[in-house]
């Protein structure tokens, strides 16, 4: 029984490293059916406005949300095989702050995340997000590389 952790959060952006992080979290969750697993995806609305301009926000935001929803449906399919309580969450905002807010709100006791995320239109995490989470998280952060 893995009594040390009861709520695991996985920030997920469909990058190879976030897939590895999800696999790691699933492996941990399988050790104890009472572990709750939350997978979160953050669509960075600030990035869209800054890089594409005010007039491009709606179409790009719509595309980002559609991609994120599809991605989370795939994750839900993978999680459905677990006996554990699992949830996926789509959040809009700053990735760094949104992840920390989610950790605090859910009182998570472990974060499992990749060391880097995607870039370009599919960008959900910025290069410094994992560093920020390590610095600000109230719980341990397991970085997968």
C-alpha atoms as a PDB file:
ATOM      1  CA  UNK A   1       0.000   0.000   0.000  1.00  0.00           C
ATOM      2  CA  UNK A   2       1.335   3.432  -0.965  1.00  0.00           C
ATOM      3  CA  UNK A   3       0.102   5.494   1.999  1.00  0.00           C
ATOM      4  CA  UNK A   4       2.452   8.387   1.349  1.00  0.00           C
ATOM      5  CA  UNK A   5       0.344   9.821  -1.498  1.00  0.00           C
ATOM      6  CA  UNK A   6      -3.422  10.014  -1.827  1.00  0.00           C
ATOM      7  CA  UNK A   7      -3.922  12.721  -4.507  1.00  0.00           C
ATOM      8  CA  UNK A   8      -1.680  12.876  -7.568  1.00  0.00           C
ATOM      9  CA  UNK A   9      -1.872  15.689 -10.123  1.00  0.00           C
ATOM     10  CA  UNK A  10      -0.469  15.297 -13.639  1.00  0.00           C
ATOM     11  CA  UNK A  11      -0.160  18.445 -15.790  1.00  0.00           C
ATOM     12  CA  UNK A  12      -0.609  17.087 -19.326  1.00  0.00           C
ATOM     13  CA  UNK A  13      -0.035  18.587 -22.782  1.00  0.00           C
ATOM     14  CA  UNK A  14       0.327  15.470 -24.979  1.00  0.00           C
ATOM     15  CA  UNK A  15       4.104  15.920 -25.305  1.00  0.00           C
ATOM     16  CA  UNK A  16       6.251  12.790 -25.036  1.00  0.00           C
ATOM     17  CA  UNK A  17       7.396  13.806 -21.558  1.00  0.00           C
ATOM     18  CA  UNK A  18       3.868  14.449 -20.305  1.00  0.00           C
ATOM     19  CA  UNK A  19       2.884  11.013 -21.657  1.00  0.00           C
ATOM     20  CA  UNK A  20       5.774   9.512 -19.681  1.00  0.00           C
ATOM     21  CA  UNK A  21       4.663  11.476 -16.620  1.00  0.00           C
ATOM     22  CA  UNK A  22       1.122  10.134 -17.002  1.00  0.00           C
ATOM     23  CA  UNK A  23       2.455   6.574 -17.318  1.00  0.00           C
ATOM     24  CA  UNK A  24       4.514   7.103 -14.155  1.00  0.00           C
ATOM     25  CA  UNK A  25       1.497   8.445 -12.257  1.00  0.00           C
ATOM     26  CA  UNK A  26      -0.628   5.509 -13.438  1.00  0.00           C
ATOM     27  CA  UNK A  27       2.057   3.103 -12.206  1.00  0.00           C
ATOM     28  CA  UNK A  28       2.006   4.812  -8.802  1.00  0.00           C
ATOM     29  CA  UNK A  29      -1.801   4.820  -8.670  1.00  0.00           C
ATOM     30  CA  UNK A  30      -1.957   1.100  -9.460  1.00  0.00           C
ATOM     31  CA  UNK A  31      -0.096   0.414  -6.209  1.00  0.00           C
ATOM     32  CA  UNK A  32      -3.045   1.648  -4.142  1.00  0.00           C
ATOM     33  CA  UNK A  33      -6.639   1.864  -5.384  1.00  0.00           C
ATOM     34  CA  UNK A  34      -7.383   4.672  -2.924  1.00  0.00           C
ATOM     35  CA  UNK A  35      -5.040   7.094  -4.726  1.00  0.00           C
ATOM     36  CA  UNK A  36      -6.966   9.779  -6.612  1.00  0.00           C
ATOM     37  CA  UNK A  37      -5.477  10.832  -9.961  1.00  0.00           C
ATOM     38  CA  UNK A  38      -6.231  14.232 -11.537  1.00  0.00           C
ATOM     39  CA  UNK A  39      -4.938  15.054 -15.017  1.00  0.00           C
ATOM     40  CA  UNK A  40      -5.030  18.735 -15.930  1.00  0.00           C
ATOM     41  CA  UNK A  41      -4.500  20.540 -19.206  1.00  0.00           C
ATOM     42  CA  UNK A  42      -4.058  24.295 -19.221  1.00  0.00           C
ATOM     43  CA  UNK A  43      -4.850  26.304 -22.340  1.00  0.00           C
ATOM     44  CA  UNK A  44      -2.733  29.423 -22.082  1.00  0.00           C
ATOM     45  CA  UNK A  45      -5.109  32.216 -23.081  1.00  0.00           C
ATOM     46  CA  UNK A  46      -2.444  34.854 -22.368  1.00  0.00           C
ATOM     47  CA  UNK A  47      -0.106  33.298 -24.958  1.00  0.00           C
ATOM     48  CA  UNK A  48      -2.763  33.515 -27.679  1.00  0.00           C
ATOM     49  CA  UNK A  49      -3.455  37.216 -27.152  1.00  0.00           C
ATOM     50  CA  UNK A  50       0.212  38.150 -26.930  1.00  0.00           C
ATOM     51  CA  UNK A  51       1.433  36.208 -29.962  1.00  0.00           C
ATOM     52  CA  UNK A  52      -1.503  36.409 -32.354  1.00  0.00           C
ATOM     53  CA  UNK A  53      -3.214  39.698 -31.514  1.00  0.00           C
ATOM     54  CA  UNK A  54      -6.632  40.532 -30.165  1.00  0.00           C
ATOM     55  CA  UNK A  55      -8.545  39.708 -33.380  1.00  0.00           C
ATOM     56  CA  UNK A  56      -7.107  36.203 -33.604  1.00  0.00           C
ATOM     57  CA  UNK A  57      -8.022  35.197 -30.068  1.00  0.00           C
ATOM     58  CA  UNK A  58     -11.421  33.605 -30.724  1.00  0.00           C
ATOM     59  CA  UNK A  59     -10.510  31.268 -33.639  1.00  0.00           C
ATOM     60  CA  UNK A  60      -7.196  30.216 -32.107  1.00  0.00           C
ATOM     61  CA  UNK A  61      -8.700  29.804 -28.649  1.00  0.00           C
ATOM     62  CA  UNK A  62     -11.465  27.672 -30.155  1.00  0.00           C
ATOM     63  CA  UNK A  63      -8.869  25.479 -31.883  1.00  0.00           C
ATOM     64  CA  UNK A  64      -6.822  25.168 -28.690  1.00  0.00           C
ATOM     65  CA  UNK A  65      -9.886  24.187 -26.660  1.00  0.00           C
ATOM     66  CA  UNK A  66     -10.964  21.615 -29.271  1.00  0.00           C
ATOM     67  CA  UNK A  67      -7.473  20.067 -29.313  1.00  0.00           C
ATOM     68  CA  UNK A  68      -7.323  20.044 -25.516  1.00  0.00           C
ATOM     69  CA  UNK A  69     -10.754  18.394 -25.221  1.00  0.00           C
ATOM     70  CA  UNK A  70      -9.794  15.697 -27.738  1.00  0.00           C
ATOM     71  CA  UNK A  71      -6.529  15.104 -25.913  1.00  0.00           C
ATOM     72  CA  UNK A  72      -8.328  14.735 -22.574  1.00  0.00           C
ATOM     73  CA  UNK A  73     -10.842  12.300 -24.071  1.00  0.00           C
ATOM     74  CA  UNK A  74      -7.897  10.084 -25.063  1.00  0.00           C
ATOM     75  CA  UNK A  75      -6.528  10.380 -21.521  1.00  0.00           C
ATOM     76  CA  UNK A  76      -9.951   9.512 -20.064  1.00  0.00           C
ATOM     77  CA  UNK A  77      -9.979   6.357 -22.179  1.00  0.00           C
ATOM     78  CA  UNK A  78      -6.584   5.360 -20.776  1.00  0.00           C
ATOM     79  CA  UNK A  79      -7.652   6.166 -17.200  1.00  0.00           C
ATOM     80  CA  UNK A  80     -10.907   4.207 -17.505  1.00  0.00           C
ATOM     81  CA  UNK A  81      -8.935   0.987 -17.027  1.00  0.00           C
ATOM     82  CA  UNK A  82      -7.889   2.025 -13.505  1.00  0.00           C
ATOM     83  CA  UNK A  83      -9.970   1.130 -10.449  1.00  0.00           C
ATOM     84  CA  UNK A  84      -8.847   4.431  -8.897  1.00  0.00           C
ATOM     85  CA  UNK A  85     -10.901   7.621  -8.823  1.00  0.00           C
ATOM     86  CA  UNK A  86      -9.684   9.651 -11.812  1.00  0.00           C
ATOM     87  CA  UNK A  87     -10.639  13.006 -13.287  1.00  0.00           C
ATOM     88  CA  UNK A  88      -9.516  15.203 -16.146  1.00  0.00           C
ATOM     89  CA  UNK A  89      -9.692  18.984 -16.040  1.00  0.00           C
ATOM     90  CA  UNK A  90      -9.401  21.656 -18.723  1.00  0.00           C
ATOM     91  CA  UNK A  91      -8.317  25.024 -17.352  1.00  0.00           C
ATOM     92  CA  UNK A  92      -7.810  28.335 -19.151  1.00  0.00           C
ATOM     93  CA  UNK A  93      -5.171  30.737 -17.902  1.00  0.00           C
ATOM     94  CA  UNK A  94      -1.494  30.996 -17.164  1.00  0.00           C
ATOM     95  CA  UNK A  95      -0.094  27.430 -17.030  1.00  0.00           C
ATOM     96  CA  UNK A  96       2.262  28.031 -14.102  1.00  0.00           C
ATOM     97  CA  UNK A  97      -0.249  29.813 -11.884  1.00  0.00           C
ATOM     98  CA  UNK A  98      -3.139  27.538 -12.899  1.00  0.00           C
ATOM     99  CA  UNK A  99      -1.213  24.397 -11.980  1.00  0.00           C
ATOM    100  CA  UNK A 100      -0.236  25.802  -8.576  1.00  0.00           C
ATOM    101  CA  UNK A 101      -3.814  26.986  -7.960  1.00  0.00           C
ATOM    102  CA  UNK A 102      -5.129  23.514  -8.819  1.00  0.00           C
ATOM    103  CA  UNK A 103      -2.602  21.823  -6.526  1.00  0.00           C
ATOM    104  CA  UNK A 104      -3.636  24.106  -3.666  1.00  0.00           C
ATOM    105  CA  UNK A 105      -7.386  23.778  -4.307  1.00  0.00           C
ATOM    106  CA  UNK A 106      -7.305  19.974  -4.441  1.00  0.00           C
ATOM    107  CA  UNK A 107      -4.725  19.623  -1.663  1.00  0.00           C
ATOM    108  CA  UNK A 108      -2.684  17.299  -3.854  1.00  0.00           C
ATOM    109  CA  UNK A 109       0.242  15.594  -2.201  1.00  0.00           C
ATOM    110  CA  UNK A 110       2.248  14.756  -5.347  1.00  0.00           C
ATOM    111  CA  UNK A 111       2.689  16.308  -8.793  1.00  0.00           C
ATOM    112  CA  UNK A 112       4.101  14.180 -11.618  1.00  0.00           C
ATOM    113  CA  UNK A 113       5.060  16.199 -14.690  1.00  0.00           C
ATOM    114  CA  UNK A 114       7.404  16.300 -17.647  1.00  0.00           C
ATOM    115  CA  UNK A 115      10.446  18.532 -17.595  1.00  0.00           C
ATOM    116  CA  UNK A 116       9.396  20.251 -20.845  1.00  0.00           C
ATOM    117  CA  UNK A 117       6.202  20.699 -22.823  1.00  0.00           C
ATOM    118  CA  UNK A 118       5.139  21.419 -26.378  1.00  0.00           C
ATOM    119  CA  UNK A 119       5.788  24.599 -28.350  1.00  0.00           C
ATOM    120  CA  UNK A 120       4.056  26.521 -31.132  1.00  0.00           C
ATOM    121  CA  UNK A 121       0.273  26.508 -31.620  1.00  0.00           C
ATOM    122  CA  UNK A 122      -0.079  23.459 -29.376  1.00  0.00           C
ATOM    123  CA  UNK A 123       1.834  25.130 -26.566  1.00  0.00           C
ATOM    124  CA  UNK A 124       0.221  24.526 -23.229  1.00  0.00           C
ATOM    125  CA  UNK A 125       3.264  24.801 -21.015  1.00  0.00           C
ATOM    126  CA  UNK A 126       6.007  27.379 -21.268  1.00  0.00           C
ATOM    127  CA  UNK A 127       9.655  26.364 -20.896  1.00  0.00           C
ATOM    128  CA  UNK A 128       9.811  27.505 -17.305  1.00  0.00           C
ATOM    129  CA  UNK A 129       6.569  25.931 -16.078  1.00  0.00           C
ATOM    130  CA  UNK A 130       8.113  22.851 -14.492  1.00  0.00           C
ATOM    131  CA  UNK A 131      10.711  25.029 -12.757  1.00  0.00           C
ATOM    132  CA  UNK A 132       7.978  27.344 -11.446  1.00  0.00           C
ATOM    133  CA  UNK A 133       5.914  24.418 -10.180  1.00  0.00           C
ATOM    134  CA  UNK A 134       8.933  22.924  -8.387  1.00  0.00           C
ATOM    135  CA  UNK A 135       9.582  26.274  -6.689  1.00  0.00           C
ATOM    136  CA  UNK A 136       5.970  27.090  -5.718  1.00  0.00           C
ATOM    137  CA  UNK A 137       4.338  23.720  -5.111  1.00  0.00           C
ATOM    138  CA  UNK A 138       3.299  22.964  -1.531  1.00  0.00           C
ATOM    139  CA  UNK A 139       3.884  19.250  -2.218  1.00  0.00           C
ATOM    140  CA  UNK A 140       6.642  17.128  -3.798  1.00  0.00           C
ATOM    141  CA  UNK A 141       7.064  17.339  -7.580  1.00  0.00           C
ATOM    142  CA  UNK A 142       8.268  14.289  -9.510  1.00  0.00           C
ATOM    143  CA  UNK A 143       9.893  15.503 -12.760  1.00  0.00           C
ATOM    144  CA  UNK A 144      10.023  13.013 -15.637  1.00  0.00           C
ATOM    145  CA  UNK A 145      12.597  13.405 -18.398  1.00  0.00           C
END
